Amino acid sequence: MKHLKIYYMLFLFILMSTAIKAQTYQGYSSNGAYQCSLRVLSDSTVHLVCNSPNNTSYTAYTGTISATRGGLLHISATMTIGQFAMKTWHKDTLYIQLDTAIADQLDKIQIQYANNTYEQLRGYDSMGSPLRLLKVPVDSSIFNNQSGSNYVIITVNRRDYSTGEWLSFKIPFGSAASITAGQLLEFDILLEGKKLTTAGQPPLQTGHFTLTKKQ
């Protein structure tokens, strides 16, 4: 335990002594399906983002990093926003499922079609009550299963931790969007030099991943 505390204190000392405000680790899940980025601040706060190409699936977590047994570090975090595309058989309607934990915070839900036309929605009604499901009738001439018009881009008023830009998700034709928040995530990591690897039970969404410290 004494050696573990020394290891953890050394890890924090390195963080606090760097010229930048955070250290960033980037890489991919073992199956290559997700790109992940972990930012560790000097106060032990962490921001974890994992996404598939075009943010068809996307999760962002904020939490803390702490020492645990066996020479590992433990991350405990809460999902601040997540988006998962789900299969649907409704070809004439775009469904957007909203978690009540985040719906009333979504002042802007913009749908952009492939021909650059837009629709503006929000996650709550005129009384400020969160909506659980948005049903958006679609024009089959601009959203269908033909290449070039077989997707929409949904943008919400949240910033991506990695890029600082507004969050956008690409939703394929035949899929419904699901925007959620509030889920808890707990997992361990092993830090060796510039590499960070999940240990034990990995995050359910991504499975194991290995990240490398960004220069």
C-alpha atoms as a PDB file:
ATOM      1  CA  MET A   1       0.000   0.000   0.000  1.00  0.00           C
ATOM      2  CA  LYS A   2       2.894   2.343   0.787  1.00  0.00           C
ATOM      3  CA  HIS A   3       4.359   1.791  -2.676  1.00  0.00           C
ATOM      4  CA  LEU A   4       0.958   2.391  -4.233  1.00  0.00           C
ATOM      5  CA  LYS A   5       0.564   5.740  -2.479  1.00  0.00           C
ATOM      6  CA  ILE A   6       4.041   6.774  -3.625  1.00  0.00           C
ATOM      7  CA  TYR A   7       3.171   5.751  -7.216  1.00  0.00           C
ATOM      8  CA  TYR A   8      -0.083   7.709  -7.121  1.00  0.00           C
ATOM      9  CA  MET A   9       1.530  10.813  -5.612  1.00  0.00           C
ATOM     10  CA  LEU A  10       4.259  10.666  -8.264  1.00  0.00           C
ATOM     11  CA  PHE A  11       1.578  10.462 -10.962  1.00  0.00           C
ATOM     12  CA  LEU A  12      -0.152  13.571  -9.586  1.00  0.00           C
ATOM     13  CA  PHE A  13       3.150  15.385  -9.162  1.00  0.00           C
ATOM     14  CA  ILE A  14       3.946  14.827 -12.827  1.00  0.00           C
ATOM     15  CA  LEU A  15       0.534  16.206 -13.753  1.00  0.00           C
ATOM     16  CA  MET A  16       0.863  19.334 -11.627  1.00  0.00           C
ATOM     17  CA  SER A  17       4.416  20.044 -12.734  1.00  0.00           C
ATOM     18  CA  THR A  18       3.691  20.024 -16.463  1.00  0.00           C
ATOM     19  CA  ALA A  19       3.459  23.308 -18.327  1.00  0.00           C
ATOM     20  CA  ILE A  20       0.086  22.412 -19.767  1.00  0.00           C
ATOM     21  CA  LYS A  21      -3.152  22.239 -17.818  1.00  0.00           C
ATOM     22  CA  ALA A  22      -3.919  18.634 -18.697  1.00  0.00           C
ATOM     23  CA  GLN A  23      -2.361  15.485 -20.026  1.00  0.00           C
ATOM     24  CA  THR A  24      -4.172  13.799 -22.884  1.00  0.00           C
ATOM     25  CA  TYR A  25      -4.045  10.122 -23.830  1.00  0.00           C
ATOM     26  CA  GLN A  26      -5.464   8.984 -27.173  1.00  0.00           C
ATOM     27  CA  GLY A  27      -5.946   5.666 -28.917  1.00  0.00           C
ATOM     28  CA  TYR A  28      -8.436   3.012 -29.955  1.00  0.00           C
ATOM     29  CA  SER A  29     -10.427   0.173 -28.492  1.00  0.00           C
ATOM     30  CA  SER A  30      -9.005  -3.311 -28.982  1.00  0.00           C
ATOM     31  CA  ASN A  31     -11.545  -4.095 -31.714  1.00  0.00           C
ATOM     32  CA  GLY A  32     -10.803  -0.810 -33.502  1.00  0.00           C
ATOM     33  CA  ALA A  33     -14.444   0.303 -33.394  1.00  0.00           C
ATOM     34  CA  TYR A  34     -13.938   3.282 -31.072  1.00  0.00           C
ATOM     35  CA  GLN A  35     -11.482   6.135 -30.798  1.00  0.00           C
ATOM     36  CA  CYS A  36     -10.947   7.216 -27.195  1.00  0.00           C
ATOM     37  CA  SER A  37      -9.409  10.276 -25.570  1.00  0.00           C
ATOM     38  CA  LEU A  38      -8.727  10.700 -21.860  1.00  0.00           C
ATOM     39  CA  ARG A  39      -7.802  14.106 -20.408  1.00  0.00           C
ATOM     40  CA  VAL A  40      -6.408  14.108 -16.872  1.00  0.00           C
ATOM     41  CA  LEU A  41      -6.318  17.433 -15.004  1.00  0.00           C
ATOM     42  CA  SER A  42      -3.969  18.277 -12.141  1.00  0.00           C
ATOM     43  CA  ASP A  43      -6.837  18.090  -9.608  1.00  0.00           C
ATOM     44  CA  SER A  44      -7.491  14.431 -10.587  1.00  0.00           C
ATOM     45  CA  THR A  45     -10.521  15.310 -12.739  1.00  0.00           C
ATOM     46  CA  VAL A  46     -10.813  13.220 -15.905  1.00  0.00           C
ATOM     47  CA  HIS A  47     -12.737  13.683 -19.152  1.00  0.00           C
ATOM     48  CA  LEU A  48     -13.197  10.538 -21.226  1.00  0.00           C
ATOM     49  CA  VAL A  49     -14.600  10.591 -24.766  1.00  0.00           C
ATOM     50  CA  CYS A  50     -15.153   7.470 -26.888  1.00  0.00           C
ATOM     51  CA  ASN A  51     -16.713   7.613 -30.318  1.00  0.00           C
ATOM     52  CA  SER A  52     -17.190   5.591 -33.471  1.00  0.00           C
ATOM     53  CA  PRO A  53     -16.581   7.147 -36.908  1.00  0.00           C
ATOM     54  CA  ASN A  54     -18.801  10.197 -37.567  1.00  0.00           C
ATOM     55  CA  ASN A  55     -20.040   9.974 -33.949  1.00  0.00           C
ATOM     56  CA  THR A  56     -22.694   7.420 -34.875  1.00  0.00           C
ATOM     57  CA  SER A  57     -22.031   6.284 -31.318  1.00  0.00           C
ATOM     58  CA  TYR A  58     -20.566   8.776 -28.858  1.00  0.00           C
ATOM     59  CA  THR A  59     -20.046   8.985 -25.097  1.00  0.00           C
ATOM     60  CA  ALA A  60     -18.493  11.648 -22.887  1.00  0.00           C
ATOM     61  CA  TYR A  61     -17.787  11.129 -19.185  1.00  0.00           C
ATOM     62  CA  THR A  62     -16.487  13.380 -16.414  1.00  0.00           C
ATOM     63  CA  GLY A  63     -15.153  12.021 -13.136  1.00  0.00           C
ATOM     64  CA  THR A  64     -12.067  11.434 -11.039  1.00  0.00           C
ATOM     65  CA  ILE A  65      -8.975   9.233 -10.992  1.00  0.00           C
ATOM     66  CA  SER A  66      -7.683   7.694  -7.768  1.00  0.00           C
ATOM     67  CA  ALA A  67      -5.383   4.989  -6.442  1.00  0.00           C
ATOM     68  CA  THR A  68      -6.551   1.413  -5.990  1.00  0.00           C
ATOM     69  CA  ARG A  69      -4.955  -1.880  -5.050  1.00  0.00           C
ATOM     70  CA  GLY A  70      -2.518  -3.852  -7.160  1.00  0.00           C
ATOM     71  CA  GLY A  71      -0.655  -0.894  -8.653  1.00  0.00           C
ATOM     72  CA  LEU A  72      -3.671   0.252 -10.657  1.00  0.00           C
ATOM     73  CA  LEU A  73      -5.503   3.543 -10.944  1.00  0.00           C
ATOM     74  CA  HIS A  74      -9.296   3.705 -10.763  1.00  0.00           C
ATOM     75  CA  ILE A  75     -11.594   5.924 -12.810  1.00  0.00           C
ATOM     76  CA  SER A  76     -15.084   6.751 -11.569  1.00  0.00           C
ATOM     77  CA  ALA A  77     -17.104   8.911 -13.958  1.00  0.00           C
ATOM     78  CA  THR A  78     -20.610   9.940 -14.977  1.00  0.00           C
ATOM     79  CA  MET A  79     -21.817  10.204 -18.558  1.00  0.00           C
ATOM     80  CA  THR A  80     -22.456  13.859 -19.437  1.00  0.00           C
ATOM     81  CA  ILE A  81     -23.844  12.976 -22.869  1.00  0.00           C
ATOM     82  CA  GLY A  82     -24.126   9.876 -25.002  1.00  0.00           C
ATOM     83  CA  GLN A  83     -25.612   9.106 -28.399  1.00  0.00           C
ATOM     84  CA  PHE A  84     -26.400   5.684 -29.788  1.00  0.00           C
ATOM     85  CA  ALA A  85     -28.009   4.940 -33.150  1.00  0.00           C
ATOM     86  CA  MET A  86     -30.648   2.199 -32.991  1.00  0.00           C
ATOM     87  CA  LYS A  87     -32.304   0.220 -35.767  1.00  0.00           C
ATOM     88  CA  THR A  88     -35.816   1.311 -36.701  1.00  0.00           C
ATOM     89  CA  TRP A  89     -38.320   0.181 -39.302  1.00  0.00           C
ATOM     90  CA  HIS A  90     -40.038   3.564 -39.650  1.00  0.00           C
ATOM     91  CA  LYS A  91     -38.808   4.933 -42.965  1.00  0.00           C
ATOM     92  CA  ASP A  92     -41.038   8.030 -43.021  1.00  0.00           C
ATOM     93  CA  THR A  93     -40.205   9.314 -39.524  1.00  0.00           C
ATOM     94  CA  LEU A  94     -36.941  10.110 -37.756  1.00  0.00           C
ATOM     95  CA  TYR A  95     -37.150   9.208 -34.077  1.00  0.00           C
ATOM     96  CA  ILE A  96     -34.951  10.893 -31.486  1.00  0.00           C
ATOM     97  CA  GLN A  97     -35.209   9.351 -28.022  1.00  0.00           C
ATOM     98  CA  LEU A  98     -34.225  11.671 -25.171  1.00  0.00           C
ATOM     99  CA  ASP A  99     -33.212  10.818 -21.625  1.00  0.00           C
ATOM    100  CA  THR A 100     -34.958  13.027 -19.065  1.00  0.00           C
ATOM    101  CA  ALA A 101     -31.565  13.581 -17.415  1.00  0.00           C
ATOM    102  CA  ILE A 102     -30.518  15.753 -20.366  1.00  0.00           C
ATOM    103  CA  ALA A 103     -33.612  16.596 -22.443  1.00  0.00           C
ATOM    104  CA  ASP A 104     -34.412  19.903 -20.735  1.00  0.00           C
ATOM    105  CA  GLN A 105     -30.798  21.065 -21.257  1.00  0.00           C
ATOM    106  CA  LEU A 106     -30.991  20.687 -25.022  1.00  0.00           C
ATOM    107  CA  ASP A 107     -31.979  24.155 -26.237  1.00  0.00           C
ATOM    108  CA  LYS A 108     -30.819  23.262 -29.721  1.00  0.00           C
ATOM    109  CA  ILE A 109     -31.321  20.019 -31.619  1.00  0.00           C
ATOM    110  CA  GLN A 110     -30.534  20.749 -35.234  1.00  0.00           C
ATOM    111  CA  ILE A 111     -31.219  18.217 -37.962  1.00  0.00           C
ATOM    112  CA  GLN A 112     -29.251  18.731 -41.172  1.00  0.00           C
ATOM    113  CA  TYR A 113     -30.180  16.733 -44.246  1.00  0.00           C
ATOM    114  CA  ALA A 114     -27.776  15.785 -47.017  1.00  0.00           C
ATOM    115  CA  ASN A 115     -29.104  18.622 -49.236  1.00  0.00           C
ATOM    116  CA  ASN A 116     -28.172  21.129 -46.473  1.00  0.00           C
ATOM    117  CA  THR A 117     -31.736  21.877 -45.383  1.00  0.00           C
ATOM    118  CA  TYR A 118     -32.258  22.186 -41.626  1.00  0.00           C
ATOM    119  CA  GLU A 119     -34.822  21.695 -38.900  1.00  0.00           C
ATOM    120  CA  GLN A 120     -34.502  23.198 -35.417  1.00  0.00           C
ATOM    121  CA  LEU A 121     -35.931  21.405 -32.391  1.00  0.00           C
ATOM    122  CA  ARG A 122     -35.393  21.377 -28.639  1.00  0.00           C
ATOM    123  CA  GLY A 123     -35.641  18.790 -25.895  1.00  0.00           C
ATOM    124  CA  TYR A 124     -38.523  20.290 -23.926  1.00  0.00           C
ATOM    125  CA  ASP A 125     -42.022  21.620 -24.534  1.00  0.00           C
ATOM    126  CA  SER A 126     -43.377  25.176 -24.205  1.00  0.00           C
ATOM    127  CA  MET A 127     -43.797  24.650 -20.439  1.00  0.00           C
ATOM    128  CA  GLY A 128     -40.174  23.582 -20.026  1.00  0.00           C
ATOM    129  CA  SER A 129     -41.020  19.922 -19.395  1.00  0.00           C
ATOM    130  CA  PRO A 130     -38.538  17.430 -20.899  1.00  0.00           C
ATOM    131  CA  LEU A 131     -39.651  15.434 -23.915  1.00  0.00           C
ATOM    132  CA  ARG A 132     -38.955  11.708 -24.055  1.00  0.00           C
ATOM    133  CA  LEU A 133     -39.345  11.237 -27.800  1.00  0.00           C
ATOM    134  CA  LEU A 134     -39.162  13.490 -30.840  1.00  0.00           C
ATOM    135  CA  LYS A 135     -40.961  12.272 -33.970  1.00  0.00           C
ATOM    136  CA  VAL A 136     -39.793  14.087 -37.078  1.00  0.00           C
ATOM    137  CA  PRO A 137     -41.638  13.361 -40.363  1.00  0.00           C
ATOM    138  CA  VAL A 138     -39.100  13.135 -43.164  1.00  0.00           C
ATOM    139  CA  ASP A 139     -39.196  13.928 -46.854  1.00  0.00           C
ATOM    140  CA  SER A 140     -38.209  10.728 -48.629  1.00  0.00           C
ATOM    141  CA  SER A 141     -36.659  12.726 -51.456  1.00  0.00           C
ATOM    142  CA  ILE A 142     -33.915  14.034 -49.139  1.00  0.00           C
ATOM    143  CA  PHE A 143     -33.646  11.206 -46.589  1.00  0.00           C
ATOM    144  CA  ASN A 144     -33.714   7.691 -48.016  1.00  0.00           C
ATOM    145  CA  ASN A 145     -31.530   4.659 -48.578  1.00  0.00           C
ATOM    146  CA  GLN A 146     -29.779   6.084 -51.628  1.00  0.00           C
ATOM    147  CA  SER A 147     -26.095   6.995 -51.413  1.00  0.00           C
ATOM    148  CA  GLY A 148     -25.672  10.700 -50.710  1.00  0.00           C
ATOM    149  CA  SER A 149     -29.028  11.086 -48.974  1.00  0.00           C
ATOM    150  CA  ASN A 150     -28.916   8.156 -46.574  1.00  0.00           C
ATOM    151  CA  TYR A 151     -28.029  10.078 -43.413  1.00  0.00           C
ATOM    152  CA  VAL A 152     -28.767  13.148 -41.319  1.00  0.00           C
ATOM    153  CA  ILE A 153     -26.470  15.143 -39.033  1.00  0.00           C
ATOM    154  CA  ILE A 154     -27.862  15.974 -35.592  1.00  0.00           C
ATOM    155  CA  THR A 155     -26.107  18.819 -33.755  1.00  0.00           C
ATOM    156  CA  VAL A 156     -26.809  19.703 -30.113  1.00  0.00           C
ATOM    157  CA  ASN A 157     -25.749  22.568 -27.856  1.00  0.00           C
ATOM    158  CA  ARG A 158     -22.938  20.648 -26.174  1.00  0.00           C
ATOM    159  CA  ARG A 159     -19.206  20.999 -26.805  1.00  0.00           C
ATOM    160  CA  ASP A 160     -16.944  18.094 -27.620  1.00  0.00           C
ATOM    161  CA  TYR A 161     -14.224  17.846 -24.925  1.00  0.00           C
ATOM    162  CA  SER A 162     -11.710  16.766 -27.554  1.00  0.00           C
ATOM    163  CA  THR A 163     -12.295  19.426 -30.224  1.00  0.00           C
ATOM    164  CA  GLY A 164     -14.211  22.216 -28.465  1.00  0.00           C
ATOM    165  CA  GLU A 165     -16.712  22.225 -31.327  1.00  0.00           C
ATOM    166  CA  TRP A 166     -20.474  21.702 -31.140  1.00  0.00           C
ATOM    167  CA  LEU A 167     -21.350  18.030 -30.930  1.00  0.00           C
ATOM    168  CA  SER A 168     -22.686  16.467 -34.121  1.00  0.00           C
ATOM    169  CA  PHE A 169     -23.852  12.898 -34.704  1.00  0.00           C
ATOM    170  CA  LYS A 170     -24.300  11.156 -38.056  1.00  0.00           C
ATOM    171  CA  ILE A 171     -27.482   9.079 -38.083  1.00  0.00           C
ATOM    172  CA  PRO A 172     -27.845   6.574 -40.946  1.00  0.00           C
ATOM    173  CA  PHE A 173     -31.158   6.061 -42.727  1.00  0.00           C
ATOM    174  CA  GLY A 174     -33.103   3.284 -41.008  1.00  0.00           C
ATOM    175  CA  SER A 175     -31.793   4.260 -37.584  1.00  0.00           C
ATOM    176  CA  ALA A 176     -33.184   6.201 -34.647  1.00  0.00           C
ATOM    177  CA  ALA A 177     -31.087   8.473 -32.438  1.00  0.00           C
ATOM    178  CA  SER A 178     -30.933   8.063 -28.672  1.00  0.00           C
ATOM    179  CA  ILE A 179     -29.411  10.876 -26.593  1.00  0.00           C
ATOM    180  CA  THR A 180     -28.774  10.004 -22.973  1.00  0.00           C
ATOM    181  CA  ALA A 181     -26.819  10.999 -19.831  1.00  0.00           C
ATOM    182  CA  GLY A 182     -26.261  10.127 -16.197  1.00  0.00           C
ATOM    183  CA  GLN A 183     -24.904   6.575 -16.398  1.00  0.00           C
ATOM    184  CA  LEU A 184     -22.052   5.692 -14.057  1.00  0.00           C
ATOM    185  CA  LEU A 185     -18.778   4.180 -15.283  1.00  0.00           C
ATOM    186  CA  GLU A 186     -16.156   2.476 -13.101  1.00  0.00           C
ATOM    187  CA  PHE A 187     -12.987   0.811 -14.386  1.00  0.00           C
ATOM    188  CA  ASP A 188      -9.282   0.390 -13.648  1.00  0.00           C
ATOM    189  CA  ILE A 189      -6.277   1.397 -15.728  1.00  0.00           C
ATOM    190  CA  LEU A 190      -2.614   0.476 -15.766  1.00  0.00           C
ATOM    191  CA  LEU A 191      -0.196   3.307 -16.524  1.00  0.00           C
ATOM    192  CA  GLU A 192       3.182   2.254 -17.897  1.00  0.00           C
ATOM    193  CA  GLY A 193       5.383   5.038 -19.241  1.00  0.00           C
ATOM    194  CA  LYS A 194       3.394   6.856 -21.890  1.00  0.00           C
ATOM    195  CA  LYS A 195       0.816   4.098 -22.315  1.00  0.00           C
ATOM    196  CA  LEU A 196      -2.450   3.687 -20.459  1.00  0.00           C
ATOM    197  CA  THR A 197      -4.366   0.391 -20.701  1.00  0.00           C
ATOM    198  CA  THR A 198      -7.667  -0.759 -19.231  1.00  0.00           C
ATOM    199  CA  ALA A 199      -7.359  -3.581 -16.706  1.00  0.00           C
ATOM    200  CA  GLY A 200      -9.859  -6.043 -15.294  1.00  0.00           C
ATOM    201  CA  GLN A 201     -13.458  -5.468 -16.340  1.00  0.00           C
ATOM    202  CA  PRO A 202     -13.375  -2.934 -19.211  1.00  0.00           C
ATOM    203  CA  PRO A 203     -16.033  -0.328 -20.069  1.00  0.00           C
ATOM    204  CA  LEU A 204     -19.052  -2.101 -21.544  1.00  0.00           C
ATOM    205  CA  GLN A 205     -19.375   0.124 -24.608  1.00  0.00           C
ATOM    206  CA  THR A 206     -15.802  -0.029 -25.899  1.00  0.00           C
ATOM    207  CA  GLY A 207     -14.241  -3.075 -24.325  1.00  0.00           C
ATOM    208  CA  HIS A 208     -10.522  -2.813 -23.581  1.00  0.00           C
ATOM    209  CA  PHE A 209      -8.520   0.085 -24.992  1.00  0.00           C
ATOM    210  CA  THR A 210      -4.919   1.265 -25.001  1.00  0.00           C
ATOM    211  CA  LEU A 211      -4.126   4.984 -25.104  1.00  0.00           C
ATOM    212  CA  THR A 212      -0.831   6.775 -25.662  1.00  0.00           C
ATOM    213  CA  LYS A 213       0.149  10.097 -24.140  1.00  0.00           C
ATOM    214  CA  LYS A 214      -0.184  12.926 -26.648  1.00  0.00           C
ATOM    215  CA  GLN A 215       2.999  14.984 -27.099  1.00  0.00           C
END
